[in-house]
């Protein structure tokens, strides 16, 4: 009788052990582990961040995607990779965007396996920027529309243009005066808008301060009554889709008899 009891107990114990392991296998799910372990990572603008990625599943792995998202922006797919096996580990290198002001960017890691299982993990990168003062160039000249000379200007390249010859997208400001009297009025063939801000700290202008001034100011489609000492800030989207916020300071207005030499003289910080 004791022998039968012992065999019975062993059978029950083996059954329970198998049942436990069976439940563990059924409950095991895909996981994606990231290192460093902290959710937040501090990094400088344009720095390369290295993240160790470990993927595991009881089933065959299928796909890994990594998406980035700046506040208020659409998500961008940084990586979309097909996986094989049940365990994959690698180092992921991510270049932090060249932001001009401090912000955060979220990285979302999504792992899929052949069973339809899904695992996600996140890292939030705190982008640190150093204050960089804008570079000033002086002595830019744009002539009157009736002068026969370059009466438009590319503020990014710092070059004068002929309004009737150049590509409108390259002409951020232009004068359309058609008489001997300078109109002191600017338009923008490229569609740029202007914020007049004579109280702006032009001497200590930074990318952050010009953007903030433009965003907070009243934006106009054209500029009237241009005068010496005026400061204008505009927003320009470059051909590579970057945004720049040049600050323009009027240093001279020449309106002499006739119109051949009528022009504006200004400095640009960008």
C-alpha atoms as a PDB file:
ATOM      1  CA  UNK A   1       0.000   0.000   0.000  1.00  0.00           C
ATOM      2  CA  UNK A   2       2.729   2.524   0.809  1.00  0.00           C
ATOM      3  CA  UNK A   3       4.433   1.685  -2.518  1.00  0.00           C
ATOM      4  CA  UNK A   4       1.210   2.417  -4.469  1.00  0.00           C
ATOM      5  CA  UNK A   5       0.820   5.690  -2.551  1.00  0.00           C
ATOM      6  CA  UNK A   6       4.366   6.716  -3.420  1.00  0.00           C
ATOM      7  CA  UNK A   7       3.836   5.923  -7.152  1.00  0.00           C
ATOM      8  CA  UNK A   8       0.583   7.909  -7.062  1.00  0.00           C
ATOM      9  CA  UNK A   9       2.299  10.907  -5.484  1.00  0.00           C
ATOM     10  CA  UNK A  10       5.115  10.763  -8.054  1.00  0.00           C
ATOM     11  CA  UNK A  11       2.603  10.626 -10.906  1.00  0.00           C
ATOM     12  CA  UNK A  12       0.670  13.594  -9.545  1.00  0.00           C
ATOM     13  CA  UNK A  13       3.893  15.563  -9.026  1.00  0.00           C
ATOM     14  CA  UNK A  14       5.106  14.848 -12.558  1.00  0.00           C
ATOM     15  CA  UNK A  15       1.704  15.844 -13.985  1.00  0.00           C
ATOM     16  CA  UNK A  16       1.719  19.138 -12.063  1.00  0.00           C
ATOM     17  CA  UNK A  17       5.288  19.889 -13.164  1.00  0.00           C
ATOM     18  CA  UNK A  18       4.434  19.274 -16.815  1.00  0.00           C
ATOM     19  CA  UNK A  19       1.292  21.364 -16.444  1.00  0.00           C
ATOM     20  CA  UNK A  20       3.259  24.281 -14.962  1.00  0.00           C
ATOM     21  CA  UNK A  21       5.845  24.186 -17.750  1.00  0.00           C
ATOM     22  CA  UNK A  22       3.094  23.886 -20.339  1.00  0.00           C
ATOM     23  CA  UNK A  23       1.347  26.977 -18.938  1.00  0.00           C
ATOM     24  CA  UNK A  24       4.626  28.873 -18.863  1.00  0.00           C
ATOM     25  CA  UNK A  25       5.214  28.069 -22.553  1.00  0.00           C
ATOM     26  CA  UNK A  26       1.715  29.182 -23.476  1.00  0.00           C
ATOM     27  CA  UNK A  27       2.026  32.415 -21.467  1.00  0.00           C
ATOM     28  CA  UNK A  28       5.490  33.301 -22.744  1.00  0.00           C
ATOM     29  CA  UNK A  29       5.353  36.277 -25.101  1.00  0.00           C
ATOM     30  CA  UNK A  30       7.624  38.264 -27.395  1.00  0.00           C
ATOM     31  CA  UNK A  31       9.789  40.820 -25.608  1.00  0.00           C
ATOM     32  CA  UNK A  32      12.113  43.597 -26.745  1.00  0.00           C
ATOM     33  CA  UNK A  33      14.729  44.830 -24.283  1.00  0.00           C
ATOM     34  CA  UNK A  34      16.664  48.091 -24.647  1.00  0.00           C
ATOM     35  CA  UNK A  35      19.870  49.276 -23.017  1.00  0.00           C
ATOM     36  CA  UNK A  36      20.631  51.698 -21.435  1.00  0.00           C
ATOM     37  CA  UNK A  37      17.735  50.831 -19.174  1.00  0.00           C
ATOM     38  CA  UNK A  38      16.667  54.407 -18.366  1.00  0.00           C
ATOM     39  CA  UNK A  39      13.655  55.621 -20.333  1.00  0.00           C
ATOM     40  CA  UNK A  40      15.268  59.049 -20.877  1.00  0.00           C
ATOM     41  CA  UNK A  41      18.566  59.556 -22.705  1.00  0.00           C
ATOM     42  CA  UNK A  42      20.230  62.982 -22.868  1.00  0.00           C
ATOM     43  CA  UNK A  43      22.088  63.794 -26.083  1.00  0.00           C
ATOM     44  CA  UNK A  44      23.402  66.777 -27.964  1.00  0.00           C
ATOM     45  CA  UNK A  45      21.927  67.946 -31.241  1.00  0.00           C
ATOM     46  CA  UNK A  46      23.304  65.834 -34.159  1.00  0.00           C
ATOM     47  CA  UNK A  47      24.971  63.362 -31.766  1.00  0.00           C
ATOM     48  CA  UNK A  48      24.866  59.609 -32.503  1.00  0.00           C
ATOM     49  CA  UNK A  49      23.120  57.601 -29.760  1.00  0.00           C
ATOM     50  CA  UNK A  50      23.844  53.853 -29.435  1.00  0.00           C
ATOM     51  CA  UNK A  51      21.070  51.601 -28.084  1.00  0.00           C
ATOM     52  CA  UNK A  52      21.492  47.854 -27.464  1.00  0.00           C
ATOM     53  CA  UNK A  53      18.426  45.973 -28.726  1.00  0.00           C
ATOM     54  CA  UNK A  54      17.557  42.394 -27.696  1.00  0.00           C
ATOM     55  CA  UNK A  55      14.521  40.659 -29.247  1.00  0.00           C
ATOM     56  CA  UNK A  56      13.131  37.308 -28.034  1.00  0.00           C
ATOM     57  CA  UNK A  57      10.035  35.230 -28.667  1.00  0.00           C
ATOM     58  CA  UNK A  58       9.006  31.565 -28.175  1.00  0.00           C
ATOM     59  CA  UNK A  59       7.994  31.754 -31.847  1.00  0.00           C
ATOM     60  CA  UNK A  60       9.923  32.749 -34.943  1.00  0.00           C
ATOM     61  CA  UNK A  61      10.573  36.474 -35.058  1.00  0.00           C
ATOM     62  CA  UNK A  62       9.064  38.308 -38.011  1.00  0.00           C
ATOM     63  CA  UNK A  63       9.642  42.075 -38.093  1.00  0.00           C
ATOM     64  CA  UNK A  64      11.151  44.979 -36.160  1.00  0.00           C
ATOM     65  CA  UNK A  65      10.264  48.608 -36.801  1.00  0.00           C
ATOM     66  CA  UNK A  66      11.680  51.720 -35.164  1.00  0.00           C
ATOM     67  CA  UNK A  67       9.846  55.037 -35.464  1.00  0.00           C
ATOM     68  CA  UNK A  68      10.792  58.505 -34.259  1.00  0.00           C
ATOM     69  CA  UNK A  69       8.472  61.351 -33.372  1.00  0.00           C
ATOM     70  CA  UNK A  70       9.141  64.982 -32.497  1.00  0.00           C
ATOM     71  CA  UNK A  71       6.415  66.784 -30.510  1.00  0.00           C
ATOM     72  CA  UNK A  72       3.600  67.840 -32.836  1.00  0.00           C
ATOM     73  CA  UNK A  73       5.127  66.075 -35.868  1.00  0.00           C
ATOM     74  CA  UNK A  74       4.271  62.938 -37.826  1.00  0.00           C
ATOM     75  CA  UNK A  75       6.157  59.747 -36.957  1.00  0.00           C
ATOM     76  CA  UNK A  76       9.106  58.846 -39.199  1.00  0.00           C
ATOM     77  CA  UNK A  77      10.158  55.234 -39.850  1.00  0.00           C
ATOM     78  CA  UNK A  78      13.850  54.935 -38.976  1.00  0.00           C
ATOM     79  CA  UNK A  79      14.127  51.153 -39.421  1.00  0.00           C
ATOM     80  CA  UNK A  80      11.896  48.432 -40.894  1.00  0.00           C
ATOM     81  CA  UNK A  81      13.669  45.073 -40.792  1.00  0.00           C
ATOM     82  CA  UNK A  82      12.671  41.462 -41.428  1.00  0.00           C
ATOM     83  CA  UNK A  83      13.915  39.107 -38.679  1.00  0.00           C
ATOM     84  CA  UNK A  84      14.502  35.367 -38.426  1.00  0.00           C
ATOM     85  CA  UNK A  85      15.123  33.048 -35.486  1.00  0.00           C
ATOM     86  CA  UNK A  86      13.813  33.406 -31.975  1.00  0.00           C
ATOM     87  CA  UNK A  87      16.572  35.629 -30.568  1.00  0.00           C
ATOM     88  CA  UNK A  88      18.132  38.663 -32.228  1.00  0.00           C
ATOM     89  CA  UNK A  89      20.508  41.173 -30.615  1.00  0.00           C
ATOM     90  CA  UNK A  90      22.243  44.158 -32.192  1.00  0.00           C
ATOM     91  CA  UNK A  91      23.392  47.734 -31.602  1.00  0.00           C
ATOM     92  CA  UNK A  92      21.175  50.425 -33.092  1.00  0.00           C
ATOM     93  CA  UNK A  93      22.821  53.745 -33.921  1.00  0.00           C
ATOM     94  CA  UNK A  94      20.535  56.771 -34.124  1.00  0.00           C
ATOM     95  CA  UNK A  95      21.644  60.255 -35.145  1.00  0.00           C
ATOM     96  CA  UNK A  96      19.818  62.907 -33.154  1.00  0.00           C
ATOM     97  CA  UNK A  97      18.216  65.574 -35.400  1.00  0.00           C
ATOM     98  CA  UNK A  98      20.060  68.875 -35.713  1.00  0.00           C
ATOM     99  CA  UNK A  99      17.498  70.805 -33.685  1.00  0.00           C
ATOM    100  CA  UNK A 100      18.249  74.425 -32.834  1.00  0.00           C
ATOM    101  CA  UNK A 101      16.324  74.390 -29.574  1.00  0.00           C
ATOM    102  CA  UNK A 102      15.963  71.913 -26.736  1.00  0.00           C
ATOM    103  CA  UNK A 103      13.195  69.352 -27.213  1.00  0.00           C
ATOM    104  CA  UNK A 104      12.502  65.630 -26.914  1.00  0.00           C
ATOM    105  CA  UNK A 105      12.144  62.892 -29.494  1.00  0.00           C
ATOM    106  CA  UNK A 106      10.448  59.559 -28.867  1.00  0.00           C
ATOM    107  CA  UNK A 107      11.779  56.318 -30.347  1.00  0.00           C
ATOM    108  CA  UNK A 108       9.213  53.512 -30.538  1.00  0.00           C
ATOM    109  CA  UNK A 109      10.468  49.937 -31.029  1.00  0.00           C
ATOM    110  CA  UNK A 110       7.853  47.414 -32.232  1.00  0.00           C
ATOM    111  CA  UNK A 111       8.537  43.673 -32.515  1.00  0.00           C
ATOM    112  CA  UNK A 112       6.265  41.155 -34.287  1.00  0.00           C
ATOM    113  CA  UNK A 113       6.514  37.338 -34.310  1.00  0.00           C
ATOM    114  CA  UNK A 114       4.990  34.657 -36.549  1.00  0.00           C
ATOM    115  CA  UNK A 115       2.166  33.949 -34.071  1.00  0.00           C
ATOM    116  CA  UNK A 116       0.915  37.533 -34.351  1.00  0.00           C
ATOM    117  CA  UNK A 117       2.467  38.442 -31.019  1.00  0.00           C
ATOM    118  CA  UNK A 118       3.579  42.049 -30.562  1.00  0.00           C
ATOM    119  CA  UNK A 119       5.955  43.765 -28.151  1.00  0.00           C
ATOM    120  CA  UNK A 120       6.802  47.455 -27.860  1.00  0.00           C
ATOM    121  CA  UNK A 121       9.385  49.488 -25.991  1.00  0.00           C
ATOM    122  CA  UNK A 122      10.360  53.151 -25.940  1.00  0.00           C
ATOM    123  CA  UNK A 123      13.237  55.547 -25.461  1.00  0.00           C
ATOM    124  CA  UNK A 124      12.822  59.291 -25.053  1.00  0.00           C
ATOM    125  CA  UNK A 125      15.824  61.337 -26.137  1.00  0.00           C
ATOM    126  CA  UNK A 126      16.208  64.742 -24.517  1.00  0.00           C
ATOM    127  CA  UNK A 127      17.949  66.923 -27.088  1.00  0.00           C
ATOM    128  CA  UNK A 128      20.353  69.440 -25.568  1.00  0.00           C
ATOM    129  CA  UNK A 129      21.400  72.437 -27.649  1.00  0.00           C
ATOM    130  CA  UNK A 130      24.058  75.038 -27.040  1.00  0.00           C
ATOM    131  CA  UNK A 131      23.268  78.692 -27.672  1.00  0.00           C
ATOM    132  CA  UNK A 132      24.736  79.593 -31.056  1.00  0.00           C
ATOM    133  CA  UNK A 133      24.739  83.231 -32.090  1.00  0.00           C
ATOM    134  CA  UNK A 134      23.797  83.947 -35.682  1.00  0.00           C
ATOM    135  CA  UNK A 135      26.402  85.170 -38.151  1.00  0.00           C
ATOM    136  CA  UNK A 136      25.961  88.659 -39.577  1.00  0.00           C
ATOM    137  CA  UNK A 137      26.819  89.766 -43.094  1.00  0.00           C
ATOM    138  CA  UNK A 138      26.707  93.477 -43.907  1.00  0.00           C
ATOM    139  CA  UNK A 139      26.349  95.793 -46.883  1.00  0.00           C
ATOM    140  CA  UNK A 140      23.678  93.905 -48.832  1.00  0.00           C
ATOM    141  CA  UNK A 141      22.020  96.070 -51.505  1.00  0.00           C
ATOM    142  CA  UNK A 142      18.682  95.773 -53.296  1.00  0.00           C
ATOM    143  CA  UNK A 143      17.837  98.346 -55.965  1.00  0.00           C
ATOM    144  CA  UNK A 144      14.641 100.099 -56.951  1.00  0.00           C
ATOM    145  CA  UNK A 145      12.302  98.418 -59.405  1.00  0.00           C
ATOM    146  CA  UNK A 146      12.802 101.290 -61.833  1.00  0.00           C
ATOM    147  CA  UNK A 147      16.616 101.328 -61.592  1.00  0.00           C
ATOM    148  CA  UNK A 148      17.202  98.626 -64.199  1.00  0.00           C
ATOM    149  CA  UNK A 149      19.359  96.773 -61.661  1.00  0.00           C
ATOM    150  CA  UNK A 150      18.794  93.840 -59.331  1.00  0.00           C
ATOM    151  CA  UNK A 151      15.577  94.692 -57.487  1.00  0.00           C
ATOM    152  CA  UNK A 152      15.100  91.361 -55.666  1.00  0.00           C
ATOM    153  CA  UNK A 153      17.149  89.430 -53.134  1.00  0.00           C
ATOM    154  CA  UNK A 154      17.816  85.889 -52.008  1.00  0.00           C
ATOM    155  CA  UNK A 155      18.209  86.172 -48.234  1.00  0.00           C
ATOM    156  CA  UNK A 156      19.604  82.647 -47.789  1.00  0.00           C
ATOM    157  CA  UNK A 157      22.293  82.886 -50.459  1.00  0.00           C
ATOM    158  CA  UNK A 158      22.846  86.601 -49.810  1.00  0.00           C
ATOM    159  CA  UNK A 159      22.663  87.439 -53.525  1.00  0.00           C
ATOM    160  CA  UNK A 160      20.746  90.080 -55.521  1.00  0.00           C
ATOM    161  CA  UNK A 161      18.342  88.965 -58.273  1.00  0.00           C
ATOM    162  CA  UNK A 162      16.496  90.487 -61.216  1.00  0.00           C
ATOM    163  CA  UNK A 163      12.775  90.270 -60.467  1.00  0.00           C
ATOM    164  CA  UNK A 164      11.865  89.562 -64.102  1.00  0.00           C
ATOM    165  CA  UNK A 165      14.570  86.907 -64.617  1.00  0.00           C
ATOM    166  CA  UNK A 166      15.062  84.836 -61.465  1.00  0.00           C
ATOM    167  CA  UNK A 167      13.013  81.935 -60.122  1.00  0.00           C
ATOM    168  CA  UNK A 168      10.357  83.389 -57.807  1.00  0.00           C
ATOM    169  CA  UNK A 169      11.180  80.785 -55.135  1.00  0.00           C
ATOM    170  CA  UNK A 170      14.685  82.303 -54.881  1.00  0.00           C
ATOM    171  CA  UNK A 171      13.418  85.870 -54.390  1.00  0.00           C
ATOM    172  CA  UNK A 172      12.495  86.395 -50.761  1.00  0.00           C
ATOM    173  CA  UNK A 173      12.211  90.196 -50.986  1.00  0.00           C
ATOM    174  CA  UNK A 174      11.690  92.533 -53.946  1.00  0.00           C
ATOM    175  CA  UNK A 175      11.019  96.208 -54.695  1.00  0.00           C
ATOM    176  CA  UNK A 176       8.453  97.055 -57.383  1.00  0.00           C
ATOM    177  CA  UNK A 177       8.932 100.838 -57.534  1.00  0.00           C
ATOM    178  CA  UNK A 178       8.059 102.111 -61.028  1.00  0.00           C
ATOM    179  CA  UNK A 179       8.892 105.798 -60.563  1.00  0.00           C
ATOM    180  CA  UNK A 180      11.819 107.994 -59.521  1.00  0.00           C
ATOM    181  CA  UNK A 181      10.535 108.048 -55.954  1.00  0.00           C
ATOM    182  CA  UNK A 182      11.425 104.955 -53.936  1.00  0.00           C
ATOM    183  CA  UNK A 183       8.265 103.285 -52.595  1.00  0.00           C
ATOM    184  CA  UNK A 184       9.969 101.952 -49.441  1.00  0.00           C
ATOM    185  CA  UNK A 185       7.805  98.881 -49.881  1.00  0.00           C
ATOM    186  CA  UNK A 186       8.870  95.238 -50.110  1.00  0.00           C
ATOM    187  CA  UNK A 187       6.971  92.249 -51.449  1.00  0.00           C
ATOM    188  CA  UNK A 188       7.971  88.570 -51.478  1.00  0.00           C
ATOM    189  CA  UNK A 189       7.703  86.662 -54.782  1.00  0.00           C
ATOM    190  CA  UNK A 190       8.531  83.454 -52.858  1.00  0.00           C
ATOM    191  CA  UNK A 191       5.609  83.991 -50.466  1.00  0.00           C
ATOM    192  CA  UNK A 192       7.646  84.774 -47.344  1.00  0.00           C
ATOM    193  CA  UNK A 193       5.960  86.738 -44.575  1.00  0.00           C
ATOM    194  CA  UNK A 194       7.520  89.463 -42.436  1.00  0.00           C
ATOM    195  CA  UNK A 195       7.459  90.405 -38.771  1.00  0.00           C
ATOM    196  CA  UNK A 196       8.578  93.949 -37.951  1.00  0.00           C
ATOM    197  CA  UNK A 197      10.295  93.902 -34.564  1.00  0.00           C
ATOM    198  CA  UNK A 198      12.396  97.001 -33.887  1.00  0.00           C
ATOM    199  CA  UNK A 199      12.722  96.016 -30.209  1.00  0.00           C
ATOM    200  CA  UNK A 200      14.340  92.697 -31.113  1.00  0.00           C
ATOM    201  CA  UNK A 201      17.776  92.020 -29.574  1.00  0.00           C
ATOM    202  CA  UNK A 202      19.514  91.969 -32.940  1.00  0.00           C
ATOM    203  CA  UNK A 203      23.014  92.105 -31.443  1.00  0.00           C
ATOM    204  CA  UNK A 204      22.500  88.798 -29.608  1.00  0.00           C
ATOM    205  CA  UNK A 205      20.279  87.073 -32.164  1.00  0.00           C
ATOM    206  CA  UNK A 206      20.197  83.278 -32.080  1.00  0.00           C
ATOM    207  CA  UNK A 207      18.279  80.698 -34.073  1.00  0.00           C
ATOM    208  CA  UNK A 208      15.995  80.274 -31.065  1.00  0.00           C
ATOM    209  CA  UNK A 209      15.343  83.988 -30.547  1.00  0.00           C
ATOM    210  CA  UNK A 210      14.576  84.759 -34.206  1.00  0.00           C
ATOM    211  CA  UNK A 211      12.207  81.793 -34.443  1.00  0.00           C
ATOM    212  CA  UNK A 212      10.466  82.805 -31.210  1.00  0.00           C
ATOM    213  CA  UNK A 213      10.119  86.429 -32.382  1.00  0.00           C
ATOM    214  CA  UNK A 214       8.707  85.382 -35.740  1.00  0.00           C
ATOM    215  CA  UNK A 215       6.273  82.924 -34.163  1.00  0.00           C
ATOM    216  CA  UNK A 216       5.015  85.454 -31.617  1.00  0.00           C
ATOM    217  CA  UNK A 217       4.809  88.427 -33.992  1.00  0.00           C
ATOM    218  CA  UNK A 218       2.215  89.657 -36.480  1.00  0.00           C
ATOM    219  CA  UNK A 219       3.151  88.240 -39.897  1.00  0.00           C
ATOM    220  CA  UNK A 220       2.556  90.395 -42.960  1.00  0.00           C
ATOM    221  CA  UNK A 221       2.627  89.528 -46.666  1.00  0.00           C
ATOM    222  CA  UNK A 222       4.587  92.688 -47.470  1.00  0.00           C
ATOM    223  CA  UNK A 223       6.468  95.511 -45.751  1.00  0.00           C
ATOM    224  CA  UNK A 224       5.456  99.188 -45.990  1.00  0.00           C
ATOM    225  CA  UNK A 225       7.348 102.334 -45.018  1.00  0.00           C
ATOM    226  CA  UNK A 226      10.764 100.693 -44.748  1.00  0.00           C
ATOM    227  CA  UNK A 227      13.012 102.971 -42.676  1.00  0.00           C
ATOM    228  CA  UNK A 228      16.619 103.028 -41.470  1.00  0.00           C
ATOM    229  CA  UNK A 229      16.917 101.089 -38.211  1.00  0.00           C
ATOM    230  CA  UNK A 230      13.954  98.795 -38.940  1.00  0.00           C
ATOM    231  CA  UNK A 231      14.382  95.127 -38.103  1.00  0.00           C
ATOM    232  CA  UNK A 232      12.413  92.471 -39.967  1.00  0.00           C
ATOM    233  CA  UNK A 233      12.315  88.743 -39.313  1.00  0.00           C
ATOM    234  CA  UNK A 234      11.089  86.246 -41.862  1.00  0.00           C
ATOM    235  CA  UNK A 235      10.785  82.493 -42.235  1.00  0.00           C
ATOM    236  CA  UNK A 236      12.275  80.673 -45.217  1.00  0.00           C
ATOM    237  CA  UNK A 237      12.041  76.996 -46.114  1.00  0.00           C
ATOM    238  CA  UNK A 238      15.189  76.017 -47.988  1.00  0.00           C
ATOM    239  CA  UNK A 239      15.421  73.567 -50.881  1.00  0.00           C
ATOM    240  CA  UNK A 240      16.458  70.791 -48.487  1.00  0.00           C
ATOM    241  CA  UNK A 241      13.274  71.547 -46.455  1.00  0.00           C
ATOM    242  CA  UNK A 242      15.037  73.176 -43.510  1.00  0.00           C
ATOM    243  CA  UNK A 243      13.540  76.264 -41.907  1.00  0.00           C
ATOM    244  CA  UNK A 244      15.663  79.366 -41.303  1.00  0.00           C
ATOM    245  CA  UNK A 245      14.623  82.638 -39.687  1.00  0.00           C
ATOM    246  CA  UNK A 246      16.820  85.472 -41.012  1.00  0.00           C
ATOM    247  CA  UNK A 247      16.854  88.829 -39.203  1.00  0.00           C
ATOM    248  CA  UNK A 248      17.228  91.870 -41.474  1.00  0.00           C
ATOM    249  CA  UNK A 249      18.375  95.281 -40.235  1.00  0.00           C
ATOM    250  CA  UNK A 250      18.009  98.321 -42.527  1.00  0.00           C
ATOM    251  CA  UNK A 251      21.215 100.408 -42.441  1.00  0.00           C
ATOM    252  CA  UNK A 252      20.672 102.721 -45.405  1.00  0.00           C
ATOM    253  CA  UNK A 253      18.072 103.969 -47.878  1.00  0.00           C
ATOM    254  CA  UNK A 254      19.327 105.886 -50.905  1.00  0.00           C
ATOM    255  CA  UNK A 255      16.701 107.847 -52.863  1.00  0.00           C
ATOM    256  CA  UNK A 256      18.500 110.354 -55.068  1.00  0.00           C
ATOM    257  CA  UNK A 257      17.213 112.351 -58.081  1.00  0.00           C
ATOM    258  CA  UNK A 258      16.411 109.852 -60.823  1.00  0.00           C
ATOM    259  CA  UNK A 259      16.180 106.160 -59.993  1.00  0.00           C
ATOM    260  CA  UNK A 260      19.385 104.566 -61.257  1.00  0.00           C
ATOM    261  CA  UNK A 261      21.040 104.492 -57.833  1.00  0.00           C
ATOM    262  CA  UNK A 262      17.963 104.176 -55.600  1.00  0.00           C
ATOM    263  CA  UNK A 263      18.471 101.240 -53.273  1.00  0.00           C
ATOM    264  CA  UNK A 264      18.203  99.738 -49.796  1.00  0.00           C
ATOM    265  CA  UNK A 265      21.258  98.737 -47.773  1.00  0.00           C
ATOM    266  CA  UNK A 266      20.842  96.143 -45.037  1.00  0.00           C
ATOM    267  CA  UNK A 267      22.563  93.590 -42.853  1.00  0.00           C
ATOM    268  CA  UNK A 268      21.427  89.973 -42.453  1.00  0.00           C
ATOM    269  CA  UNK A 269      21.822  87.620 -39.516  1.00  0.00           C
ATOM    270  CA  UNK A 270      21.149  83.935 -40.187  1.00  0.00           C
END
